[in-house]
Protein backbone atom coordinates (compact mmCIF):
# COMPACT_ATOMS: atom_id res chain seq x y z
CA MET A 1 10.27 13.59 -0.93
CA CYS A 2 8.60 10.44 -2.22
CA THR A 3 8.46 9.55 -5.89
CA ARG A 4 6.32 6.89 -7.51
CA ALA A 5 9.33 4.57 -7.40
CA GLU A 6 9.62 4.96 -3.63
CA ILE A 7 7.44 3.70 -0.80
CA ASP A 8 7.08 4.01 2.94
CA PRO A 9 9.19 1.06 4.16
CA ARG A 10 6.74 0.39 6.99
CA GLY A 11 4.00 -0.48 4.49
CA PRO A 12 5.48 -3.78 3.25
CA ARG A 13 6.07 -4.89 6.83
CA PHE A 14 2.40 -4.23 7.63
CA GLY A 15 1.45 -6.12 4.47
CA ALA A 16 3.69 -9.00 5.51
CA SER A 17 1.85 -9.15 8.84
CA LEU A 18 -1.51 -9.48 7.11
CA THR A 19 -0.04 -11.96 4.63
CA SER A 20 1.29 -14.04 7.54
CA VAL A 21 -2.18 -14.28 9.07
CA VAL A 22 -3.81 -15.18 5.74
CA LEU A 23 -1.19 -17.81 4.89
CA ALA A 24 -1.16 -19.31 8.41
CA VAL A 25 -4.93 -19.82 8.32
CA ALA A 26 -4.65 -21.12 4.75
CA LEU A 27 -1.96 -23.60 5.75
CA LEU A 28 -4.04 -24.88 8.66
CA SER A 29 -7.09 -25.33 6.42
CA LEU A 30 -5.47 -26.12 3.08
CA GLY A 31 -7.58 -29.18 2.31
CA THR A 32 -10.82 -27.21 2.67
CA PRO A 33 -12.53 -24.69 0.40
CA VAL A 34 -11.63 -21.93 2.89
CA GLY A 35 -7.93 -22.78 2.72
CA ILE A 36 -7.95 -22.90 -1.05
CA ALA A 37 -9.84 -19.59 -1.22
CA LEU A 38 -7.30 -17.96 1.10
CA VAL A 39 -4.39 -19.14 -1.04
CA ALA A 40 -6.21 -17.86 -4.14
CA TRP A 41 -6.87 -14.51 -2.40
CA GLN A 42 -3.23 -14.17 -1.40
CA ALA A 43 -2.11 -15.07 -4.94
CA LEU A 44 -4.37 -12.29 -6.22
CA VAL A 45 -2.94 -9.82 -3.68
CA PHE A 46 0.63 -10.79 -4.61
CA GLY A 47 -0.24 -10.55 -8.31
CA ILE A 48 -1.62 -7.04 -7.91
CA GLY A 49 1.52 -5.92 -6.10
CA ALA A 50 3.84 -7.54 -8.63
CA PHE A 51 2.10 -6.86 -11.93
CA ILE A 52 0.04 -3.72 -11.36
CA GLY A 53 2.18 -2.06 -8.71
CA LEU A 54 2.47 -1.48 -5.00
CA GLN A 55 0.21 1.58 -5.16
CA ALA A 56 -2.67 -0.77 -6.11
CA HIS A 57 -1.82 -3.39 -3.47
CA PRO A 58 -4.85 -4.00 -1.19
CA TYR A 59 -2.79 -4.30 2.02
CA GLY A 60 -0.84 -1.19 1.06
CA ALA A 61 -4.11 0.69 0.62
CA LEU A 62 -5.18 -0.37 4.12
CA TYR A 63 -1.82 0.76 5.47
CA ARG A 64 -2.00 4.15 3.76
CA ARG A 65 -5.61 4.73 4.83
CA PHE A 66 -5.58 3.54 8.44
CA ILE A 67 -2.03 3.07 9.76
CA GLN A 68 0.23 5.64 8.11
CA PRO A 69 -1.85 8.66 9.24
CA ARG A 70 -1.36 7.55 12.85
CA LEU A 71 2.39 7.07 12.39
CA GLY A 72 3.08 10.18 10.36
CA ARG A 73 5.26 10.49 7.31
CA PRO A 74 8.34 8.27 7.20
CA THR A 75 11.75 9.79 7.70
CA GLU A 76 13.17 7.63 4.90
CA TRP A 77 11.75 6.17 1.72
CA GLU A 78 12.55 2.83 0.11
CA ALA A 79 12.86 1.95 -3.55
CA ALA A 80 9.77 0.02 -4.63
CA ALA A 81 11.61 -2.36 -6.97
CA GLY A 82 12.71 -4.86 -4.30
CA PRO A 83 9.31 -5.17 -2.58
CA ARG A 84 7.60 -5.39 -5.96
CA PHE A 85 9.95 -8.23 -6.96
CA ALA A 86 9.18 -9.91 -3.61
CA GLN A 87 5.48 -9.73 -4.46
CA GLY A 88 6.26 -11.59 -7.68
CA VAL A 89 8.07 -14.29 -5.72
CA GLY A 90 5.09 -14.60 -3.38
CA PHE A 91 2.81 -14.82 -6.40
CA ALA A 92 4.93 -17.64 -7.84
CA PHE A 93 4.76 -19.65 -4.60
CA THR A 94 1.00 -19.22 -4.17
CA ALA A 95 0.38 -19.96 -7.86
CA ILE A 96 2.43 -23.16 -7.52
CA ALA A 97 0.36 -24.06 -4.46
CA LEU A 98 -2.89 -23.55 -6.35
CA LEU A 99 -1.66 -25.54 -9.34
CA ALA A 100 -0.52 -28.36 -7.04
CA LEU A 101 -3.96 -28.46 -5.42
CA VAL A 102 -5.66 -28.63 -8.82
CA LEU A 103 -3.29 -31.43 -9.90
CA GLY A 104 -3.88 -33.36 -6.68
CA VAL A 105 -0.40 -32.97 -5.20
CA PRO A 106 -1.19 -31.42 -1.80
CA ILE A 107 2.30 -31.91 -0.37
CA VAL A 108 3.68 -29.44 -2.93
CA ALA A 109 0.94 -26.99 -1.97
CA TYR A 110 1.78 -27.33 1.73
CA VAL A 111 5.49 -26.75 1.06
CA ALA A 112 4.86 -23.75 -1.23
CA VAL A 113 2.46 -22.09 1.23
CA GLY A 114 4.79 -22.90 4.11
CA LEU A 115 7.75 -21.27 2.37
CA ALA A 116 5.69 -18.18 1.50
CA LEU A 117 4.52 -18.02 5.13
CA ALA A 118 8.09 -18.30 6.43
CA ALA A 119 9.20 -15.42 4.20
CA ALA A 120 6.23 -13.28 5.26
CA LEU A 121 6.90 -13.98 8.93
CA LEU A 122 10.56 -12.98 8.57
CA ASN A 123 9.49 -9.68 7.05
CA ALA A 124 6.71 -9.06 9.56
CA ALA A 125 8.72 -9.94 12.66
CA PHE A 126 12.23 -8.82 11.75
CA GLY A 127 11.92 -6.57 8.70
CA LEU A 128 13.90 -9.07 6.63
CA CYS A 129 12.45 -9.22 3.13
CA LEU A 130 13.89 -12.31 1.45
CA GLY A 131 12.53 -11.37 -1.97
CA CYS A 132 14.12 -7.94 -1.65
CA GLU A 133 17.46 -9.52 -0.77
CA VAL A 134 17.25 -11.83 -3.79
CA TYR A 135 16.41 -8.81 -5.95
CA LEU A 136 19.46 -6.90 -4.67
CA LEU A 137 21.72 -9.92 -5.12
CA GLY A 138 20.48 -10.34 -8.67
CA ARG A 139 21.16 -6.67 -9.43
CA ARG A 140 24.72 -7.00 -8.10
CA VAL A 141 25.38 -10.15 -10.11
CA LEU A 142 23.89 -8.74 -13.31
CA SER A 143 25.77 -5.45 -12.98
CA ARG A 144 29.06 -7.36 -12.98
CA ALA A 145 28.18 -9.36 -16.07
């Protein structure tokens, strides 16, 4: 049974796929208004997931509405804390990219978007959530302190 603190683990992978497309197009067009708008959109999406919650996440809503009914209920649930932390990491990278663009330091923006894209691609293609792994590592370290 799912609680509010648990999610369908297939949802974040779907979200990572959409994020990968958005960030790839943004990276290819970063010096244009379209590229900047895509980075801003993705920062907003990450911010919603991190600060409001995964239940409000736009890509998660698409997953729950259109994909999950075709797949059926998951056999296992995942704690939402790791993916929510990962959304915060994604938000930080896209916010840094936007700030770098405003300050006229495009190389920082390219690196930040590129790193966020690499993390999203790892999750989409292999189910490896780097932000989730950092979250779990942090929990282990802090529990020993």
